Amino acid sequence: MIDEKYKYSALTSVIIGSAMEVHKILGNGFQEVIYQRALAEEFAIRNVNASREFEMSVFYKGKVIGTRRVDFLIENIVSVEIKALVKLEDVHLAQALNYLEAYNLEIGMLINFGAKSLEYRRLINPKFKPIS
């Protein structure tokens, strides 16, 4: 799964592998919080530095206008938004991309445990601005 042409490919591969293990064991049909707890356990087993329900500021024109909790912030560089839906819709992808932009994170993952087969998307923030 590692493809060096993608930034943080090794890390996103571990995230995907962890999610696959959770889905393999639990299957679909649970509430999102159950998958979140199981994924936290799997990250711990794999020694992944994961902050669960990490509260981040949302900015508008440089001013904090609120906060939002990302399901996981991995290694302080990759956000992971999880869902437990029968089918991902475009609105869920847009939501995850909006979070990347609002948090100014470069890479994110959208993972859906609710389908019969695990669904995941690797996301890239086209508006990412490195902080000097």
N, C-alpha and C. Protein backbone atom coordinates (compact mmCIF):
# COMPACT_ATOMS: atom_id res chain seq x y z
N MET A 1 0.80 -1.19 0.00
CA MET A 1 0.00 0.00 0.00
C MET A 1 0.85 1.27 0.00
N ILE A 2 2.11 1.17 0.37
CA ILE A 2 2.96 2.35 0.42
C ILE A 2 3.32 2.78 -0.99
N ASP A 3 3.04 4.02 -1.31
CA ASP A 3 3.36 4.60 -2.60
C ASP A 3 4.06 5.92 -2.32
N GLU A 4 5.36 5.95 -2.48
CA GLU A 4 6.17 7.10 -2.09
C GLU A 4 5.84 8.38 -2.84
N LYS A 5 5.06 8.30 -3.91
CA LYS A 5 4.69 9.55 -4.60
C LYS A 5 3.65 10.33 -3.79
N TYR A 6 3.02 9.69 -2.79
CA TYR A 6 2.07 10.37 -1.93
C TYR A 6 2.73 10.74 -0.62
N LYS A 7 2.56 11.99 -0.20
CA LYS A 7 3.13 12.45 1.05
C LYS A 7 2.52 11.67 2.22
N TYR A 8 3.35 11.27 3.15
CA TYR A 8 2.96 10.50 4.34
C TYR A 8 2.35 9.15 3.99
N SER A 9 2.77 8.58 2.88
CA SER A 9 2.22 7.31 2.42
C SER A 9 2.39 6.19 3.44
N ALA A 10 3.55 6.12 4.07
CA ALA A 10 3.78 5.06 5.06
C ALA A 10 2.80 5.21 6.23
N LEU A 11 2.57 6.44 6.66
CA LEU A 11 1.67 6.68 7.78
C LEU A 11 0.21 6.39 7.38
N THR A 12 -0.20 6.86 6.22
CA THR A 12 -1.59 6.59 5.80
C THR A 12 -1.81 5.10 5.56
N SER A 13 -0.77 4.38 5.17
CA SER A 13 -0.89 2.93 5.01
C SER A 13 -1.14 2.24 6.35
N VAL A 14 -0.49 2.72 7.40
CA VAL A 14 -0.72 2.17 8.74
C VAL A 14 -2.14 2.50 9.20
N ILE A 15 -2.60 3.69 8.90
CA ILE A 15 -3.97 4.08 9.26
C ILE A 15 -4.98 3.17 8.56
N ILE A 16 -4.79 2.96 7.27
CA ILE A 16 -5.69 2.09 6.51
C ILE A 16 -5.63 0.66 7.03
N GLY A 17 -4.42 0.16 7.29
CA GLY A 17 -4.28 -1.20 7.83
C GLY A 17 -4.97 -1.36 9.17
N SER A 18 -4.88 -0.34 10.01
CA SER A 18 -5.54 -0.36 11.31
C SER A 18 -7.06 -0.41 11.13
N ALA A 19 -7.57 0.42 10.22
CA ALA A 19 -9.01 0.45 9.96
C ALA A 19 -9.48 -0.89 9.39
N MET A 20 -8.68 -1.49 8.51
CA MET A 20 -9.04 -2.79 7.95
C MET A 20 -9.13 -3.85 9.03
N GLU A 21 -8.21 -3.82 9.99
CA GLU A 21 -8.24 -4.78 11.09
C GLU A 21 -9.51 -4.61 11.93
N VAL A 22 -9.86 -3.36 12.24
CA VAL A 22 -11.07 -3.09 13.01
C VAL A 22 -12.30 -3.58 12.25
N HIS A 23 -12.37 -3.29 10.96
CA HIS A 23 -13.53 -3.70 10.17
C HIS A 23 -13.59 -5.22 10.03
N LYS A 24 -12.44 -5.84 9.92
CA LYS A 24 -12.39 -7.31 9.82
C LYS A 24 -12.97 -7.96 11.08
N ILE A 25 -12.67 -7.39 12.22
CA ILE A 25 -13.12 -7.97 13.49
C ILE A 25 -14.57 -7.59 13.81
N LEU A 26 -14.93 -6.32 13.62
CA LEU A 26 -16.26 -5.86 14.01
C LEU A 26 -17.29 -5.92 12.89
N GLY A 27 -16.84 -5.87 11.64
CA GLY A 27 -17.78 -5.80 10.54
C GLY A 27 -18.48 -4.46 10.52
N ASN A 28 -19.62 -4.40 9.84
CA ASN A 28 -20.37 -3.15 9.80
C ASN A 28 -21.59 -3.26 10.72
N GLY A 29 -22.23 -2.13 10.99
CA GLY A 29 -23.46 -2.15 11.77
C GLY A 29 -23.39 -1.51 13.14
N PHE A 30 -22.21 -1.14 13.60
CA PHE A 30 -22.09 -0.47 14.90
C PHE A 30 -22.16 1.04 14.73
N GLN A 31 -22.36 1.74 15.82
CA GLN A 31 -22.32 3.20 15.82
C GLN A 31 -20.87 3.66 15.66
N GLU A 32 -20.73 4.88 15.17
CA GLU A 32 -19.40 5.44 14.91
C GLU A 32 -18.50 5.39 16.14
N VAL A 33 -19.04 5.68 17.32
CA VAL A 33 -18.23 5.72 18.54
C VAL A 33 -17.57 4.38 18.82
N ILE A 34 -18.21 3.27 18.49
CA ILE A 34 -17.62 1.94 18.70
C ILE A 34 -16.39 1.77 17.81
N TYR A 35 -16.51 2.18 16.56
CA TYR A 35 -15.37 2.09 15.65
C TYR A 35 -14.25 3.04 16.09
N GLN A 36 -14.63 4.18 16.60
CA GLN A 36 -13.64 5.14 17.08
C GLN A 36 -12.84 4.54 18.25
N ARG A 37 -13.53 3.92 19.17
CA ARG A 37 -12.85 3.29 20.32
C ARG A 37 -11.97 2.13 19.88
N ALA A 38 -12.47 1.31 18.97
CA ALA A 38 -11.68 0.17 18.48
C ALA A 38 -10.46 0.65 17.71
N LEU A 39 -10.64 1.69 16.90
CA LEU A 39 -9.52 2.23 16.14
C LEU A 39 -8.46 2.82 17.07
N ALA A 40 -8.89 3.46 18.14
CA ALA A 40 -7.94 3.98 19.13
C ALA A 40 -7.11 2.84 19.72
N GLU A 41 -7.78 1.71 20.01
CA GLU A 41 -7.06 0.54 20.54
C GLU A 41 -6.06 0.01 19.50
N GLU A 42 -6.49 -0.06 18.25
CA GLU A 42 -5.61 -0.58 17.20
C GLU A 42 -4.41 0.34 16.98
N PHE A 43 -4.64 1.65 17.04
CA PHE A 43 -3.51 2.59 16.92
C PHE A 43 -2.52 2.37 18.06
N ALA A 44 -3.03 2.15 19.27
CA ALA A 44 -2.15 1.92 20.43
C ALA A 44 -1.34 0.64 20.24
N ILE A 45 -1.98 -0.41 19.74
CA ILE A 45 -1.28 -1.68 19.49
C ILE A 45 -0.14 -1.47 18.49
N ARG A 46 -0.38 -0.62 17.50
CA ARG A 46 0.61 -0.38 16.44
C ARG A 46 1.55 0.79 16.75
N ASN A 47 1.48 1.30 17.98
CA ASN A 47 2.34 2.40 18.41
C ASN A 47 2.22 3.64 17.52
N VAL A 48 1.00 3.94 17.14
CA VAL A 48 0.72 5.14 16.34
C VAL A 48 0.32 6.26 17.31
N ASN A 49 0.96 7.40 17.18
CA ASN A 49 0.65 8.56 18.01
C ASN A 49 -0.65 9.17 17.51
N ALA A 50 -1.76 8.83 18.16
CA ALA A 50 -3.09 9.26 17.72
C ALA A 50 -3.80 9.98 18.86
N SER A 51 -4.24 11.19 18.58
CA SER A 51 -5.04 11.95 19.54
C SER A 51 -6.50 11.83 19.13
N ARG A 52 -7.30 11.24 20.00
CA ARG A 52 -8.72 11.01 19.71
C ARG A 52 -9.54 12.23 20.08
N GLU A 53 -10.52 12.56 19.23
CA GLU A 53 -11.39 13.71 19.41
C GLU A 53 -10.59 14.96 19.74
N PHE A 54 -9.61 15.21 18.90
CA PHE A 54 -8.70 16.34 19.10
C PHE A 54 -9.41 17.63 18.71
N GLU A 55 -9.51 18.53 19.67
CA GLU A 55 -10.19 19.80 19.42
C GLU A 55 -9.25 20.77 18.72
N MET A 56 -9.73 21.28 17.61
CA MET A 56 -8.92 22.20 16.81
C MET A 56 -9.71 23.47 16.53
N SER A 57 -9.01 24.57 16.45
CA SER A 57 -9.64 25.85 16.14
C SER A 57 -9.99 25.92 14.66
N VAL A 58 -11.11 26.57 14.39
CA VAL A 58 -11.53 26.84 13.02
C VAL A 58 -11.33 28.33 12.80
N PHE A 59 -10.62 28.66 11.72
CA PHE A 59 -10.27 30.05 11.44
C PHE A 59 -11.08 30.59 10.27
N TYR A 60 -11.35 31.88 10.35
CA TYR A 60 -11.94 32.61 9.23
C TYR A 60 -11.17 33.92 9.11
N LYS A 61 -10.47 34.09 7.99
CA LYS A 61 -9.66 35.28 7.74
C LYS A 61 -8.72 35.55 8.90
N GLY A 62 -8.09 34.48 9.38
CA GLY A 62 -7.09 34.61 10.43
C GLY A 62 -7.64 34.72 11.84
N LYS A 63 -8.95 34.68 12.00
CA LYS A 63 -9.56 34.82 13.31
C LYS A 63 -10.25 33.52 13.70
N VAL A 64 -10.06 33.10 14.95
CA VAL A 64 -10.72 31.89 15.44
C VAL A 64 -12.21 32.17 15.58
N ILE A 65 -13.03 31.34 14.94
CA ILE A 65 -14.48 31.53 15.00
C ILE A 65 -15.19 30.36 15.69
N GLY A 66 -14.42 29.39 16.10
CA GLY A 66 -15.02 28.24 16.78
C GLY A 66 -14.03 27.10 16.83
N THR A 67 -14.53 25.98 17.31
CA THR A 67 -13.69 24.79 17.37
C THR A 67 -14.48 23.61 16.82
N ARG A 68 -13.75 22.59 16.45
CA ARG A 68 -14.34 21.33 15.96
C ARG A 68 -13.41 20.22 16.40
N ARG A 69 -13.98 19.09 16.74
CA ARG A 69 -13.17 17.94 17.13
C ARG A 69 -13.02 17.00 15.95
N VAL A 70 -11.78 16.80 15.56
CA VAL A 70 -11.48 15.81 14.53
C VAL A 70 -11.45 14.45 15.22
N ASP A 71 -11.96 13.41 14.56
CA ASP A 71 -12.01 12.09 15.21
C ASP A 71 -10.63 11.67 15.69
N PHE A 72 -9.62 11.82 14.83
CA PHE A 72 -8.24 11.53 15.22
C PHE A 72 -7.30 12.51 14.53
N LEU A 73 -6.28 12.92 15.26
CA LEU A 73 -5.15 13.62 14.67
C LEU A 73 -3.96 12.70 14.86
N ILE A 74 -3.39 12.24 13.76
CA ILE A 74 -2.31 11.25 13.79
C ILE A 74 -0.97 11.94 13.59
N GLU A 75 -0.07 11.70 14.55
CA GLU A 75 1.29 12.25 14.49
C GLU A 75 1.29 13.77 14.29
N ASN A 76 0.20 14.43 14.68
CA ASN A 76 0.03 15.87 14.52
C ASN A 76 0.07 16.36 13.08
N ILE A 77 -0.13 15.44 12.10
CA ILE A 77 -0.05 15.86 10.70
C ILE A 77 -1.16 15.33 9.81
N VAL A 78 -1.83 14.25 10.19
CA VAL A 78 -2.88 13.66 9.36
C VAL A 78 -4.17 13.58 10.16
N SER A 79 -5.25 14.14 9.59
CA SER A 79 -6.55 14.03 10.25
C SER A 79 -7.25 12.77 9.75
N VAL A 80 -8.03 12.17 10.64
CA VAL A 80 -8.83 11.00 10.27
C VAL A 80 -10.26 11.26 10.72
N GLU A 81 -11.15 11.30 9.76
CA GLU A 81 -12.58 11.46 10.02
C GLU A 81 -13.24 10.13 9.73
N ILE A 82 -13.98 9.60 10.71
CA ILE A 82 -14.61 8.30 10.50
C ILE A 82 -16.13 8.44 10.43
N LYS A 83 -16.72 7.53 9.70
CA LYS A 83 -18.16 7.46 9.53
C LYS A 83 -18.59 6.01 9.71
N ALA A 84 -19.88 5.82 9.98
CA ALA A 84 -20.47 4.48 10.07
C ALA A 84 -21.78 4.51 9.29
N LEU A 85 -21.65 4.70 7.99
CA LEU A 85 -22.81 4.88 7.11
C LEU A 85 -22.87 3.75 6.09
N VAL A 86 -24.07 3.46 5.62
CA VAL A 86 -24.23 2.45 4.58
C VAL A 86 -23.48 2.89 3.32
N LYS A 87 -23.51 4.19 3.04
CA LYS A 87 -22.85 4.70 1.84
C LYS A 87 -22.34 6.11 2.09
N LEU A 88 -21.10 6.36 1.71
CA LEU A 88 -20.56 7.72 1.77
C LEU A 88 -21.18 8.55 0.66
N GLU A 89 -21.47 9.78 0.97
CA GLU A 89 -22.02 10.73 0.00
C GLU A 89 -20.99 11.83 -0.23
N ASP A 90 -21.20 12.60 -1.29
CA ASP A 90 -20.29 13.71 -1.60
C ASP A 90 -20.19 14.70 -0.45
N VAL A 91 -21.28 14.86 0.31
CA VAL A 91 -21.27 15.80 1.43
C VAL A 91 -20.26 15.39 2.50
N HIS A 92 -20.04 14.09 2.69
CA HIS A 92 -19.08 13.62 3.69
C HIS A 92 -17.66 13.92 3.24
N LEU A 93 -17.40 13.75 1.95
CA LEU A 93 -16.10 14.10 1.39
C LEU A 93 -15.86 15.60 1.52
N ALA A 94 -16.87 16.39 1.18
CA ALA A 94 -16.75 17.85 1.29
C ALA A 94 -16.48 18.26 2.73
N GLN A 95 -17.15 17.62 3.68
CA GLN A 95 -16.96 17.93 5.10
C GLN A 95 -15.51 17.66 5.50
N ALA A 96 -14.99 16.50 5.13
CA ALA A 96 -13.61 16.15 5.49
C ALA A 96 -12.61 17.12 4.85
N LEU A 97 -12.85 17.49 3.62
CA LEU A 97 -11.97 18.47 2.95
C LEU A 97 -12.06 19.84 3.60
N ASN A 98 -13.27 20.23 4.00
CA ASN A 98 -13.43 21.51 4.69
C ASN A 98 -12.66 21.54 5.99
N TYR A 99 -12.65 20.42 6.71
CA TYR A 99 -11.89 20.36 7.95
C TYR A 99 -10.39 20.53 7.68
N LEU A 100 -9.90 19.88 6.63
CA LEU A 100 -8.49 20.03 6.29
C LEU A 100 -8.15 21.49 6.04
N GLU A 101 -9.00 22.16 5.30
CA GLU A 101 -8.76 23.57 4.99
C GLU A 101 -8.86 24.42 6.25
N ALA A 102 -9.89 24.19 7.06
CA ALA A 102 -10.07 24.99 8.28
C ALA A 102 -8.93 24.80 9.26
N TYR A 103 -8.37 23.59 9.33
CA TYR A 103 -7.27 23.30 10.26
C TYR A 103 -5.90 23.54 9.63
N ASN A 104 -5.88 23.82 8.34
CA ASN A 104 -4.65 23.96 7.57
C ASN A 104 -3.76 22.72 7.72
N LEU A 105 -4.37 21.56 7.51
CA LEU A 105 -3.63 20.30 7.46
C LEU A 105 -3.51 19.88 6.01
N GLU A 106 -2.40 19.27 5.66
CA GLU A 106 -2.15 18.91 4.26
C GLU A 106 -2.85 17.62 3.84
N ILE A 107 -2.85 16.62 4.74
CA ILE A 107 -3.34 15.29 4.40
C ILE A 107 -4.39 14.84 5.40
N GLY A 108 -5.42 14.17 4.90
CA GLY A 108 -6.45 13.62 5.76
C GLY A 108 -6.95 12.30 5.21
N MET A 109 -7.70 11.60 6.04
CA MET A 109 -8.32 10.33 5.64
C MET A 109 -9.79 10.40 6.02
N LEU A 110 -10.62 9.88 5.15
CA LEU A 110 -12.04 9.69 5.42
C LEU A 110 -12.28 8.19 5.37
N ILE A 111 -12.73 7.62 6.48
CA ILE A 111 -12.89 6.17 6.58
C ILE A 111 -14.33 5.86 6.97
N ASN A 112 -14.96 4.96 6.22
CA ASN A 112 -16.34 4.56 6.49
C ASN A 112 -16.38 3.08 6.87
N PHE A 113 -16.82 2.83 8.11
CA PHE A 113 -16.95 1.47 8.62
C PHE A 113 -18.33 0.88 8.38
N GLY A 114 -19.29 1.68 7.92
CA GLY A 114 -20.68 1.24 7.83
C GLY A 114 -21.02 0.37 6.63
N ALA A 115 -20.19 0.39 5.61
CA ALA A 115 -20.45 -0.41 4.41
C ALA A 115 -19.98 -1.85 4.65
N LYS A 116 -20.45 -2.77 3.80
CA LYS A 116 -20.03 -4.17 3.94
C LYS A 116 -18.53 -4.31 3.80
N SER A 117 -17.94 -3.55 2.91
CA SER A 117 -16.48 -3.49 2.77
C SER A 117 -16.01 -2.12 3.24
N LEU A 118 -14.89 -2.08 3.93
CA LEU A 118 -14.35 -0.82 4.42
C LEU A 118 -14.13 0.13 3.25
N GLU A 119 -14.55 1.37 3.43
CA GLU A 119 -14.31 2.41 2.43
C GLU A 119 -13.36 3.43 3.02
N TYR A 120 -12.41 3.87 2.23
CA TYR A 120 -11.50 4.92 2.71
C TYR A 120 -11.06 5.78 1.54
N ARG A 121 -10.79 7.04 1.89
CA ARG A 121 -10.30 8.00 0.91
C ARG A 121 -9.15 8.77 1.52
N ARG A 122 -8.09 8.91 0.77
CA ARG A 122 -6.96 9.73 1.17
C ARG A 122 -7.22 11.10 0.58
N LEU A 123 -7.14 12.14 1.41
CA LEU A 123 -7.49 13.48 0.98
C LEU A 123 -6.27 14.40 1.03
N ILE A 124 -6.20 15.30 0.07
CA ILE A 124 -5.13 16.28 0.01
C ILE A 124 -5.76 17.67 0.02
N ASN A 125 -5.28 18.52 0.87
CA ASN A 125 -5.78 19.89 0.98
C ASN A 125 -5.11 20.75 -0.08
N PRO A 126 -5.85 21.17 -1.13
CA PRO A 126 -5.25 21.97 -2.19
C PRO A 126 -4.91 23.39 -1.72
N LYS A 127 -5.45 23.81 -0.57
CA LYS A 127 -5.21 25.16 -0.05
C LYS A 127 -4.21 25.18 1.11
N PHE A 128 -3.52 24.06 1.32
CA PHE A 128 -2.57 23.96 2.42
C PHE A 128 -1.48 25.02 2.29
N LYS A 129 -1.20 25.69 3.42
CA LYS A 129 -0.14 26.69 3.46
C LYS A 129 0.84 26.30 4.57
N PRO A 130 2.05 25.88 4.19
CA PRO A 130 3.04 25.52 5.23
C PRO A 130 3.32 26.72 6.14
N ILE A 131 3.44 26.43 7.43
CA ILE A 131 3.75 27.47 8.40
C ILE A 131 5.26 27.54 8.52
N SER A 132 5.80 28.72 8.34
CA SER A 132 7.26 28.88 8.39
C SER A 132 7.75 29.00 9.80
